[in-house]
Amino acid sequence: MTTTLKKAFDKAAELPEAQQEAFAKFLLEELDFVTAVQEGVDAAERGETVSIEDARAMIPKWISESSSRNWH
């Protein structure tokens, strides 16, 4: 564990429980985002891309899937 990450966790441990929970949820969402971005970069580097027209056609499905997630 890096020094910075340890400092963040130590500081978070001092927060009230509700704020710890909010921090943990935020951190998990950010980790999911960073992972997804890296997966996209890796796919692009492998040449796995789609045209802008195909990407635009996928947006309604992505919105629908995102809207149906349980974010709690």
C-alpha atoms as a PDB file:
ATOM      1  CA  MET A   1       0.000   0.000   0.000  1.00  0.00           C
ATOM      2  CA  THR A   2       1.340   3.406  -0.891  1.00  0.00           C
ATOM      3  CA  THR A   3       1.919   6.064   1.740  1.00  0.00           C
ATOM      4  CA  THR A   4      -0.739   8.287   0.188  1.00  0.00           C
ATOM      5  CA  LEU A   5      -3.349   5.530   0.163  1.00  0.00           C
ATOM      6  CA  LYS A   6      -2.569   4.668   3.781  1.00  0.00           C
ATOM      7  CA  LYS A   7      -2.989   8.338   4.748  1.00  0.00           C
ATOM      8  CA  ALA A   8      -6.355   8.438   2.968  1.00  0.00           C
ATOM      9  CA  PHE A   9      -7.580   5.307   4.756  1.00  0.00           C
ATOM     10  CA  ASP A  10      -6.286   6.520   8.128  1.00  0.00           C
ATOM     11  CA  LYS A  11      -8.063   9.832   7.648  1.00  0.00           C
ATOM     12  CA  ALA A  12     -11.261   8.094   6.508  1.00  0.00           C
ATOM     13  CA  ALA A  13     -11.156   5.885   9.613  1.00  0.00           C
ATOM     14  CA  GLU A  14     -11.495   9.027  11.732  1.00  0.00           C
ATOM     15  CA  LEU A  15     -14.762  10.016  10.031  1.00  0.00           C
ATOM     16  CA  PRO A  16     -18.199   9.198  11.421  1.00  0.00           C
ATOM     17  CA  GLU A  17     -19.550   5.886  10.132  1.00  0.00           C
ATOM     18  CA  ALA A  18     -21.988   7.459   7.656  1.00  0.00           C
ATOM     19  CA  GLN A  19     -19.188   9.502   6.107  1.00  0.00           C
ATOM     20  CA  GLN A  20     -16.945   6.434   5.992  1.00  0.00           C
ATOM     21  CA  GLU A  21     -19.674   4.630   4.068  1.00  0.00           C
ATOM     22  CA  ALA A  22     -20.051   7.532   1.640  1.00  0.00           C
ATOM     23  CA  PHE A  23     -16.281   7.651   1.130  1.00  0.00           C
ATOM     24  CA  ALA A  24     -16.121   3.906   0.528  1.00  0.00           C
ATOM     25  CA  LYS A  25     -18.927   4.038  -2.056  1.00  0.00           C
ATOM     26  CA  PHE A  26     -17.241   6.965  -3.796  1.00  0.00           C
ATOM     27  CA  LEU A  27     -13.907   5.173  -3.852  1.00  0.00           C
ATOM     28  CA  LEU A  28     -15.429   1.982  -5.255  1.00  0.00           C
ATOM     29  CA  GLU A  29     -17.213   3.928  -7.995  1.00  0.00           C
ATOM     30  CA  GLU A  30     -13.985   5.718  -8.903  1.00  0.00           C
ATOM     31  CA  LEU A  31     -12.104   2.414  -9.033  1.00  0.00           C
ATOM     32  CA  ASP A  32     -14.779   0.988 -11.343  1.00  0.00           C
ATOM     33  CA  PHE A  33     -14.441   4.077 -13.555  1.00  0.00           C
ATOM     34  CA  VAL A  34     -10.638   3.871 -13.711  1.00  0.00           C
ATOM     35  CA  THR A  35     -10.852   0.157 -14.519  1.00  0.00           C
ATOM     36  CA  ALA A  36     -13.394   0.784 -17.295  1.00  0.00           C
ATOM     37  CA  VAL A  37     -11.263   3.538 -18.810  1.00  0.00           C
ATOM     38  CA  GLN A  38      -8.199   1.291 -18.772  1.00  0.00           C
ATOM     39  CA  GLU A  39     -10.180  -1.512 -20.409  1.00  0.00           C
ATOM     40  CA  GLY A  40     -11.211   0.930 -23.136  1.00  0.00           C
ATOM     41  CA  VAL A  41      -7.643   2.113 -23.675  1.00  0.00           C
ATOM     42  CA  ASP A  42      -6.416  -1.479 -23.832  1.00  0.00           C
ATOM     43  CA  ALA A  43      -9.142  -2.397 -26.345  1.00  0.00           C
ATOM     44  CA  ALA A  44      -8.304   0.615 -28.508  1.00  0.00           C
ATOM     45  CA  GLU A  45      -4.633  -0.298 -28.459  1.00  0.00           C
ATOM     46  CA  ARG A  46      -5.611  -3.767 -29.716  1.00  0.00           C
ATOM     47  CA  GLY A  47      -7.546  -2.120 -32.525  1.00  0.00           C
ATOM     48  CA  GLU A  48     -10.927  -3.023 -31.071  1.00  0.00           C
ATOM     49  CA  THR A  49     -12.811   0.116 -32.009  1.00  0.00           C
ATOM     50  CA  VAL A  50     -16.163   1.015 -33.546  1.00  0.00           C
ATOM     51  CA  SER A  51     -17.196   3.847 -35.825  1.00  0.00           C
ATOM     52  CA  ILE A  52     -18.737   6.971 -34.356  1.00  0.00           C
ATOM     53  CA  GLU A  53     -22.031   5.988 -35.963  1.00  0.00           C
ATOM     54  CA  ASP A  54     -22.001   2.603 -34.214  1.00  0.00           C
ATOM     55  CA  ALA A  55     -21.053   4.237 -30.908  1.00  0.00           C
ATOM     56  CA  ARG A  56     -23.934   6.703 -31.223  1.00  0.00           C
ATOM     57  CA  ALA A  57     -26.295   3.798 -31.897  1.00  0.00           C
ATOM     58  CA  MET A  58     -25.134   2.127 -28.653  1.00  0.00           C
ATOM     59  CA  ILE A  59     -25.797   5.153 -26.423  1.00  0.00           C
ATOM     60  CA  PRO A  60     -29.523   4.499 -25.788  1.00  0.00           C
ATOM     61  CA  LYS A  61     -28.701   0.956 -24.606  1.00  0.00           C
ATOM     62  CA  TRP A  62     -25.946   2.240 -22.307  1.00  0.00           C
ATOM     63  CA  ILE A  63     -28.291   4.841 -20.832  1.00  0.00           C
ATOM     64  CA  SER A  64     -30.957   2.217 -20.262  1.00  0.00           C
ATOM     65  CA  GLU A  65     -28.494  -0.146 -18.568  1.00  0.00           C
ATOM     66  CA  SER A  66     -27.082   2.645 -16.431  1.00  0.00           C
ATOM     67  CA  SER A  67     -30.549   3.843 -15.418  1.00  0.00           C
ATOM     68  CA  SER A  68     -31.571   0.365 -14.306  1.00  0.00           C
ATOM     69  CA  ARG A  69     -28.604  -0.082 -11.943  1.00  0.00           C
ATOM     70  CA  ASN A  70     -29.202  -0.106  -8.218  1.00  0.00           C
ATOM     71  CA  TRP A  71     -26.832   2.635  -7.053  1.00  0.00           C
ATOM     72  CA  HIS A  72     -27.569   2.223  -3.348  1.00  0.00           C
END
